[in-house]
Each structure stands twice: as structure tokens, then as C-alpha cells.
Amino acid sequence: MREYPEWLSATLASDASEGKGVLPNYILPLLPGSRVVGPAYVALMSQDDNLAIRKVLEAPPEPGTVLVVAGGHASRTATVGDLLALEMQNAGLAGLITDGLVRDSREIRALEVFRVWCRGVTPTASRKDGPAVVGGRITFEETVVRDGDLVIADDDGVVIWPQEQIEILLTRAEARLQQDNERLARLRAQQR
């Protein structure tokens, strides 16, 4: 799997895409200081039902993939708890982005490498009846996310880059980083 530079942040990703692909700002990191960059694998859950997650784990995607789950924006139950999160970590998934809720938040925060962005927390478990859609494409408000698109997530939010634009957007992000670093150096020099 391709490695992406440590400097790539949600802010630079958003600047490079001119604000396109930014997921709703109610999707926040469960653990402050978290960061994940990797290819998306998508699923669509039903309200108050997490069968989609179980379906993903039957044939997990490539290690380093970020699971992006839509359909939980109105759910009152958890998309995942600590056991499903641990299963996802053990399967090699790098993280979970969902418009739903999670439970067992303390245990999920303690996982070694698996990181979660979600709408919030709840103690309530989900049903497992379906329907569930795994793979393909999903939508968060106006943002379409497809398998293979690039997920860039950190404390500032989640940005999705279309897979066919990754190279050009990475070049733009690096140019923006250079501009910002030059401006920062000028501002620091003025402090003296």
C-alpha cells in the first residue's frame, strides 16, 4: 500500500481541493490527536443497524484501508463497539469514518492503531438485520465517497480526494505547505 507524507493534513487536503470533499463537521475524532490517511472502502448501514460492518469483516479490504460508513446520521444506536473495533484493527483496517455513533469509547480510544471519526457516542447496541450495502459508493450530504478514494482525517475533520485526482491534489497540497512555511518564517522573523 502506498505511503503518504506525514505533513498531509485535512487542512492542506481541503485547501488543495478548494473545499471539495470535506465531510460534515459533526464527524469528529473520537481520540484527539488522531490522524489517518489511506484508501477508502465504503459501506452503507441501515438506521440503528450495523450488519454492514459485519459484512465488511467477512472479507476485509487490504490492510491500511479506512472504512467509511454512511447511513448512521439518524441512528440512535452504535455503528461499532469495542469488540467490532478490535476486529477491524486485527483485520488491518486503519480507521473508521462514520456519520453514526459508537459505544465503548474508552476501550476504542485505547486501541493501538485503529482510529475512529464519528458523530458521537451512545451506550446502545445496534440490530444486525440489514439491509447492508458493502463496497461501491456512498454519499455524505453532497460528498460522494467511492472505494479507492483517499481519506485524509485528523483533528480538523475528514477530507475525501477522488482517486483519479490524488496526484494533482497532492502536488497542490505540497505547494500550499511550502507557501505556508514561507509565510510562517516571515511572521516569526517579525517577532524578533
C-alpha atoms as a PDB file:
ATOM      1  CA  MET A   1       0.000   0.000   0.000  1.00  0.00           C
ATOM      2  CA  ARG A   2       1.184   3.483  -0.829  1.00  0.00           C
ATOM      3  CA  GLU A   3       2.603   5.657   1.940  1.00  0.00           C
ATOM      4  CA  TYR A   4       1.576   9.310   2.158  1.00  0.00           C
ATOM      5  CA  PRO A   5       3.694  12.098   3.673  1.00  0.00           C
ATOM      6  CA  GLU A   6       3.333  12.882   7.383  1.00  0.00           C
ATOM      7  CA  TRP A   7       2.706  16.545   6.583  1.00  0.00           C
ATOM      8  CA  LEU A   8      -0.535  15.791   4.708  1.00  0.00           C
ATOM      9  CA  SER A   9      -3.325  17.169   6.895  1.00  0.00           C
ATOM     10  CA  ALA A  10      -7.058  17.686   6.461  1.00  0.00           C
ATOM     11  CA  THR A  11      -6.425  21.436   6.235  1.00  0.00           C
ATOM     12  CA  LEU A  12      -3.922  21.093   3.388  1.00  0.00           C
ATOM     13  CA  ALA A  13      -6.152  18.484   1.713  1.00  0.00           C
ATOM     14  CA  SER A  14      -9.105  20.887   1.843  1.00  0.00           C
ATOM     15  CA  ASP A  15      -7.001  23.768   0.514  1.00  0.00           C
ATOM     16  CA  ALA A  16      -5.767  21.591  -2.372  1.00  0.00           C
ATOM     17  CA  SER A  17      -9.323  20.581  -3.319  1.00  0.00           C
ATOM     18  CA  GLU A  18     -10.706  24.100  -2.790  1.00  0.00           C
ATOM     19  CA  GLY A  19     -13.003  22.830  -0.040  1.00  0.00           C
ATOM     20  CA  LYS A  20     -14.478  19.983  -2.060  1.00  0.00           C
ATOM     21  CA  GLY A  21     -14.733  16.569  -0.427  1.00  0.00           C
ATOM     22  CA  VAL A  22     -14.926  17.854   3.139  1.00  0.00           C
ATOM     23  CA  LEU A  23     -17.271  15.699   5.219  1.00  0.00           C
ATOM     24  CA  PRO A  24     -19.768  17.339   7.622  1.00  0.00           C
ATOM     25  CA  ASN A  25     -18.116  18.975  10.633  1.00  0.00           C
ATOM     26  CA  TYR A  26     -20.114  16.877  13.100  1.00  0.00           C
ATOM     27  CA  ILE A  27     -17.875  13.903  12.207  1.00  0.00           C
ATOM     28  CA  LEU A  28     -15.081  14.287  14.757  1.00  0.00           C
ATOM     29  CA  PRO A  29     -12.154  12.181  16.010  1.00  0.00           C
ATOM     30  CA  LEU A  30     -13.000  10.001  18.986  1.00  0.00           C
ATOM     31  CA  LEU A  31      -9.411  10.454  20.199  1.00  0.00           C
ATOM     32  CA  PRO A  32      -7.898  13.949  19.877  1.00  0.00           C
ATOM     33  CA  GLY A  33      -4.576  13.911  18.059  1.00  0.00           C
ATOM     34  CA  SER A  34      -5.659  11.092  15.735  1.00  0.00           C
ATOM     35  CA  ARG A  35      -4.646  11.030  12.086  1.00  0.00           C
ATOM     36  CA  VAL A  36      -5.286   8.576   9.296  1.00  0.00           C
ATOM     37  CA  VAL A  37      -4.534   8.722   5.571  1.00  0.00           C
ATOM     38  CA  GLY A  38      -5.481   5.808   3.359  1.00  0.00           C
ATOM     39  CA  PRO A  39      -7.769   4.442   0.675  1.00  0.00           C
ATOM     40  CA  ALA A  40     -11.490   4.282   1.382  1.00  0.00           C
ATOM     41  CA  TYR A  41     -13.632   1.180   1.472  1.00  0.00           C
ATOM     42  CA  VAL A  42     -17.297   2.110   1.777  1.00  0.00           C
ATOM     43  CA  ALA A  43     -20.392   0.646   3.376  1.00  0.00           C
ATOM     44  CA  LEU A  44     -23.951   1.824   3.866  1.00  0.00           C
ATOM     45  CA  MET A  45     -25.649   0.877   7.116  1.00  0.00           C
ATOM     46  CA  SER A  46     -29.341   0.926   7.885  1.00  0.00           C
ATOM     47  CA  GLN A  47     -30.689   3.118  10.665  1.00  0.00           C
ATOM     48  CA  ASP A  48     -29.940   1.566  14.084  1.00  0.00           C
ATOM     49  CA  ASP A  49     -28.413  -1.483  12.350  1.00  0.00           C
ATOM     50  CA  ASN A  50     -24.726  -2.363  11.885  1.00  0.00           C
ATOM     51  CA  LEU A  51     -24.944  -5.521   9.758  1.00  0.00           C
ATOM     52  CA  ALA A  52     -22.847  -3.659   7.154  1.00  0.00           C
ATOM     53  CA  ILE A  53     -19.832  -3.722   9.479  1.00  0.00           C
ATOM     54  CA  ARG A  54     -20.146  -7.471   9.993  1.00  0.00           C
ATOM     55  CA  LYS A  55     -20.367  -7.956   6.211  1.00  0.00           C
ATOM     56  CA  VAL A  56     -17.150  -5.957   5.724  1.00  0.00           C
ATOM     57  CA  LEU A  57     -15.355  -8.166   8.249  1.00  0.00           C
ATOM     58  CA  GLU A  58     -16.396 -11.341   6.381  1.00  0.00           C
ATOM     59  CA  ALA A  59     -13.977 -10.325   3.602  1.00  0.00           C
ATOM     60  CA  PRO A  60     -11.908  -7.386   4.898  1.00  0.00           C
ATOM     61  CA  PRO A  61     -10.254  -4.991   2.456  1.00  0.00           C
ATOM     62  CA  GLU A  62      -6.492  -4.554   2.133  1.00  0.00           C
ATOM     63  CA  PRO A  63      -4.628  -3.592   5.326  1.00  0.00           C
ATOM     64  CA  GLY A  64      -4.287   0.173   5.741  1.00  0.00           C
ATOM     65  CA  THR A  65      -7.736   0.806   4.306  1.00  0.00           C
ATOM     66  CA  VAL A  66     -10.110   3.247   6.019  1.00  0.00           C
ATOM     67  CA  LEU A  67     -13.700   2.029   6.364  1.00  0.00           C
ATOM     68  CA  VAL A  68     -16.144   4.832   5.533  1.00  0.00           C
ATOM     69  CA  VAL A  69     -19.712   4.106   6.672  1.00  0.00           C
ATOM     70  CA  ALA A  70     -22.711   6.292   5.823  1.00  0.00           C
ATOM     71  CA  GLY A  71     -26.356   5.878   6.798  1.00  0.00           C
ATOM     72  CA  GLY A  72     -25.925   6.402  10.541  1.00  0.00           C
ATOM     73  CA  HIS A  73     -26.761  10.109  10.644  1.00  0.00           C
ATOM     74  CA  ALA A  74     -30.170   9.434  12.265  1.00  0.00           C
ATOM     75  CA  SER A  75     -29.233   6.301  14.211  1.00  0.00           C
ATOM     76  CA  ARG A  76     -29.587   6.247  17.985  1.00  0.00           C
ATOM     77  CA  THR A  77     -27.510   3.058  18.288  1.00  0.00           C
ATOM     78  CA  ALA A  78     -23.799   2.381  17.853  1.00  0.00           C
ATOM     79  CA  THR A  79     -22.173   1.707  14.495  1.00  0.00           C
ATOM     80  CA  VAL A  80     -19.447  -0.183  16.388  1.00  0.00           C
ATOM     81  CA  GLY A  81     -18.394  -1.022  19.913  1.00  0.00           C
ATOM     82  CA  ASP A  82     -15.011  -2.056  21.230  1.00  0.00           C
ATOM     83  CA  LEU A  83     -15.208  -5.670  20.023  1.00  0.00           C
ATOM     84  CA  LEU A  84     -16.017  -4.775  16.406  1.00  0.00           C
ATOM     85  CA  ALA A  85     -13.375  -2.048  16.510  1.00  0.00           C
ATOM     86  CA  LEU A  86     -10.805  -4.571  17.746  1.00  0.00           C
ATOM     87  CA  GLU A  87     -11.851  -6.982  14.975  1.00  0.00           C
ATOM     88  CA  MET A  88     -11.324  -4.189  12.434  1.00  0.00           C
ATOM     89  CA  GLN A  89      -7.896  -3.379  13.894  1.00  0.00           C
ATOM     90  CA  ASN A  90      -6.970  -7.084  13.806  1.00  0.00           C
ATOM     91  CA  ALA A  91      -8.078  -7.229  10.152  1.00  0.00           C
ATOM     92  CA  GLY A  92      -5.633  -4.414   9.342  1.00  0.00           C
ATOM     93  CA  LEU A  93      -8.091  -1.570   8.871  1.00  0.00           C
ATOM     94  CA  ALA A  94      -6.511   1.789   9.727  1.00  0.00           C
ATOM     95  CA  GLY A  95      -9.667   3.535  10.837  1.00  0.00           C
ATOM     96  CA  LEU A  96     -13.388   4.123  10.684  1.00  0.00           C
ATOM     97  CA  ILE A  97     -15.187   7.231   9.460  1.00  0.00           C
ATOM     98  CA  THR A  98     -18.935   7.220  10.162  1.00  0.00           C
ATOM     99  CA  ASP A  99     -21.819   9.651  10.441  1.00  0.00           C
ATOM    100  CA  GLY A 100     -23.115   7.336  13.169  1.00  0.00           C
ATOM    101  CA  LEU A 101     -22.385   6.850  16.850  1.00  0.00           C
ATOM    102  CA  VAL A 102     -20.028   4.457  18.642  1.00  0.00           C
ATOM    103  CA  ARG A 103     -20.037   2.838  22.078  1.00  0.00           C
ATOM    104  CA  ASP A 104     -17.315   1.579  24.415  1.00  0.00           C
ATOM    105  CA  SER A 105     -15.495   4.796  23.596  1.00  0.00           C
ATOM    106  CA  ARG A 106     -12.841   4.421  26.297  1.00  0.00           C
ATOM    107  CA  GLU A 107     -11.865   0.971  25.003  1.00  0.00           C
ATOM    108  CA  ILE A 108     -11.843   2.156  21.372  1.00  0.00           C
ATOM    109  CA  ARG A 109      -9.627   5.126  22.291  1.00  0.00           C
ATOM    110  CA  ALA A 110      -7.176   2.660  23.885  1.00  0.00           C
ATOM    111  CA  LEU A 111      -6.701   0.611  20.688  1.00  0.00           C
ATOM    112  CA  GLU A 112      -3.123   0.721  19.446  1.00  0.00           C
ATOM    113  CA  VAL A 113      -3.544   1.871  15.851  1.00  0.00           C
ATOM    114  CA  PHE A 114      -7.220   1.851  14.877  1.00  0.00           C
ATOM    115  CA  ARG A 115      -8.730   5.367  14.862  1.00  0.00           C
ATOM    116  CA  VAL A 116     -12.372   6.463  14.693  1.00  0.00           C
ATOM    117  CA  TRP A 117     -14.184   9.600  13.498  1.00  0.00           C
ATOM    118  CA  CYS A 118     -17.896   9.670  14.340  1.00  0.00           C
ATOM    119  CA  ARG A 119     -20.921  11.808  15.219  1.00  0.00           C
ATOM    120  CA  GLY A 120     -20.816  10.959  18.915  1.00  0.00           C
ATOM    121  CA  VAL A 121     -21.252   8.184  21.473  1.00  0.00           C
ATOM    122  CA  THR A 122     -24.094   6.103  22.905  1.00  0.00           C
ATOM    123  CA  PRO A 123     -24.354   3.051  25.160  1.00  0.00           C
ATOM    124  CA  THR A 124     -26.990   1.434  22.914  1.00  0.00           C
ATOM    125  CA  ALA A 125     -26.210  -1.593  20.711  1.00  0.00           C
ATOM    126  CA  SER A 126     -27.426  -1.885  17.116  1.00  0.00           C
ATOM    127  CA  ARG A 127     -29.583  -4.520  15.493  1.00  0.00           C
ATOM    128  CA  LYS A 128     -27.976  -6.784  12.909  1.00  0.00           C
ATOM    129  CA  ASP A 129     -30.852  -7.316  10.466  1.00  0.00           C
ATOM    130  CA  GLY A 130     -29.864  -5.202   7.462  1.00  0.00           C
ATOM    131  CA  PRO A 131     -30.160  -4.343   4.745  1.00  0.00           C
ATOM    132  CA  ALA A 132     -26.459  -3.644   4.294  1.00  0.00           C
ATOM    133  CA  VAL A 133     -24.510  -2.411   1.288  1.00  0.00           C
ATOM    134  CA  VAL A 134     -20.760  -3.033   1.137  1.00  0.00           C
ATOM    135  CA  GLY A 135     -18.431  -1.565  -1.490  1.00  0.00           C
ATOM    136  CA  GLY A 136     -19.130   0.795  -4.368  1.00  0.00           C
ATOM    137  CA  ARG A 137     -20.092   4.353  -3.449  1.00  0.00           C
ATOM    138  CA  ILE A 138     -21.883   6.210  -0.684  1.00  0.00           C
ATOM    139  CA  THR A 139     -22.819   9.832  -0.026  1.00  0.00           C
ATOM    140  CA  PHE A 140     -22.358  12.128   2.974  1.00  0.00           C
ATOM    141  CA  GLU A 141     -24.647  15.074   2.230  1.00  0.00           C
ATOM    142  CA  GLU A 142     -23.129  16.278  -1.096  1.00  0.00           C
ATOM    143  CA  THR A 143     -19.837  14.381  -0.884  1.00  0.00           C
ATOM    144  CA  VAL A 144     -19.594  11.110  -2.803  1.00  0.00           C
ATOM    145  CA  VAL A 145     -17.083   8.565  -1.461  1.00  0.00           C
ATOM    146  CA  ARG A 146     -16.014   5.556  -3.541  1.00  0.00           C
ATOM    147  CA  ASP A 147     -13.825   2.561  -2.867  1.00  0.00           C
ATOM    148  CA  GLY A 148     -10.257   3.678  -3.541  1.00  0.00           C
ATOM    149  CA  ASP A 149     -10.770   7.398  -2.918  1.00  0.00           C
ATOM    150  CA  LEU A 150      -8.246   8.855  -0.476  1.00  0.00           C
ATOM    151  CA  VAL A 151      -9.294   9.629   3.105  1.00  0.00           C
ATOM    152  CA  ILE A 152      -7.356  12.318   4.977  1.00  0.00           C
ATOM    153  CA  ALA A 153      -8.595  12.693   8.576  1.00  0.00           C
ATOM    154  CA  ASP A 154      -7.268  14.450  11.664  1.00  0.00           C
ATOM    155  CA  ASP A 155      -8.450  16.831  14.409  1.00  0.00           C
ATOM    156  CA  ASP A 156      -9.675  19.360  11.829  1.00  0.00           C
ATOM    157  CA  GLY A 157     -12.007  16.925  10.079  1.00  0.00           C
ATOM    158  CA  VAL A 158     -12.229  14.490   7.198  1.00  0.00           C
ATOM    159  CA  VAL A 159     -11.457  15.189   3.535  1.00  0.00           C
ATOM    160  CA  ILE A 160     -12.024  12.788   0.635  1.00  0.00           C
ATOM    161  CA  TRP A 161      -9.957  13.072  -2.533  1.00  0.00           C
ATOM    162  CA  PRO A 162     -11.262  11.310  -5.675  1.00  0.00           C
ATOM    163  CA  GLN A 163      -8.810   8.569  -6.621  1.00  0.00           C
ATOM    164  CA  GLU A 164      -8.243   9.929 -10.126  1.00  0.00           C
ATOM    165  CA  GLN A 165      -7.178  13.334  -8.693  1.00  0.00           C
ATOM    166  CA  ILE A 166      -4.829  12.186  -5.903  1.00  0.00           C
ATOM    167  CA  GLU A 167      -1.569  13.074  -7.693  1.00  0.00           C
ATOM    168  CA  ILE A 168      -2.623  16.575  -8.736  1.00  0.00           C
ATOM    169  CA  LEU A 169      -4.143  17.293  -5.313  1.00  0.00           C
ATOM    170  CA  LEU A 170      -1.019  16.036  -3.543  1.00  0.00           C
ATOM    171  CA  THR A 171       1.078  18.413  -5.666  1.00  0.00           C
ATOM    172  CA  ARG A 172      -1.264  21.300  -4.797  1.00  0.00           C
ATOM    173  CA  ALA A 173      -1.166  20.423  -1.089  1.00  0.00           C
ATOM    174  CA  GLU A 174       2.636  20.369  -1.106  1.00  0.00           C
ATOM    175  CA  ALA A 175       2.758  23.759  -2.852  1.00  0.00           C
ATOM    176  CA  ARG A 176       0.372  25.152  -0.219  1.00  0.00           C
ATOM    177  CA  LEU A 177       2.549  23.724   2.560  1.00  0.00           C
ATOM    178  CA  GLN A 178       5.580  25.458   1.058  1.00  0.00           C
ATOM    179  CA  GLN A 179       3.711  28.788   0.869  1.00  0.00           C
ATOM    180  CA  ASP A 180       2.534  28.415   4.465  1.00  0.00           C
ATOM    181  CA  ASN A 181       6.042  27.561   5.692  1.00  0.00           C
ATOM    182  CA  GLU A 182       7.497  30.618   3.934  1.00  0.00           C
ATOM    183  CA  ARG A 183       4.814  32.850   5.449  1.00  0.00           C
ATOM    184  CA  LEU A 184       5.393  31.323   8.891  1.00  0.00           C
ATOM    185  CA  ALA A 185       9.130  32.013   8.626  1.00  0.00           C
ATOM    186  CA  ARG A 186       8.430  35.672   7.741  1.00  0.00           C
ATOM    187  CA  LEU A 187       5.996  36.039  10.655  1.00  0.00           C
ATOM    188  CA  ARG A 188       8.444  34.504  13.120  1.00  0.00           C
ATOM    189  CA  ALA A 189      11.221  36.785  11.857  1.00  0.00           C
ATOM    190  CA  GLN A 190       8.971  39.786  12.631  1.00  0.00           C
ATOM    191  CA  GLN A 191       8.643  38.657  16.254  1.00  0.00           C
ATOM    192  CA  ARG A 192      12.334  39.283  16.972  1.00  0.00           C
END
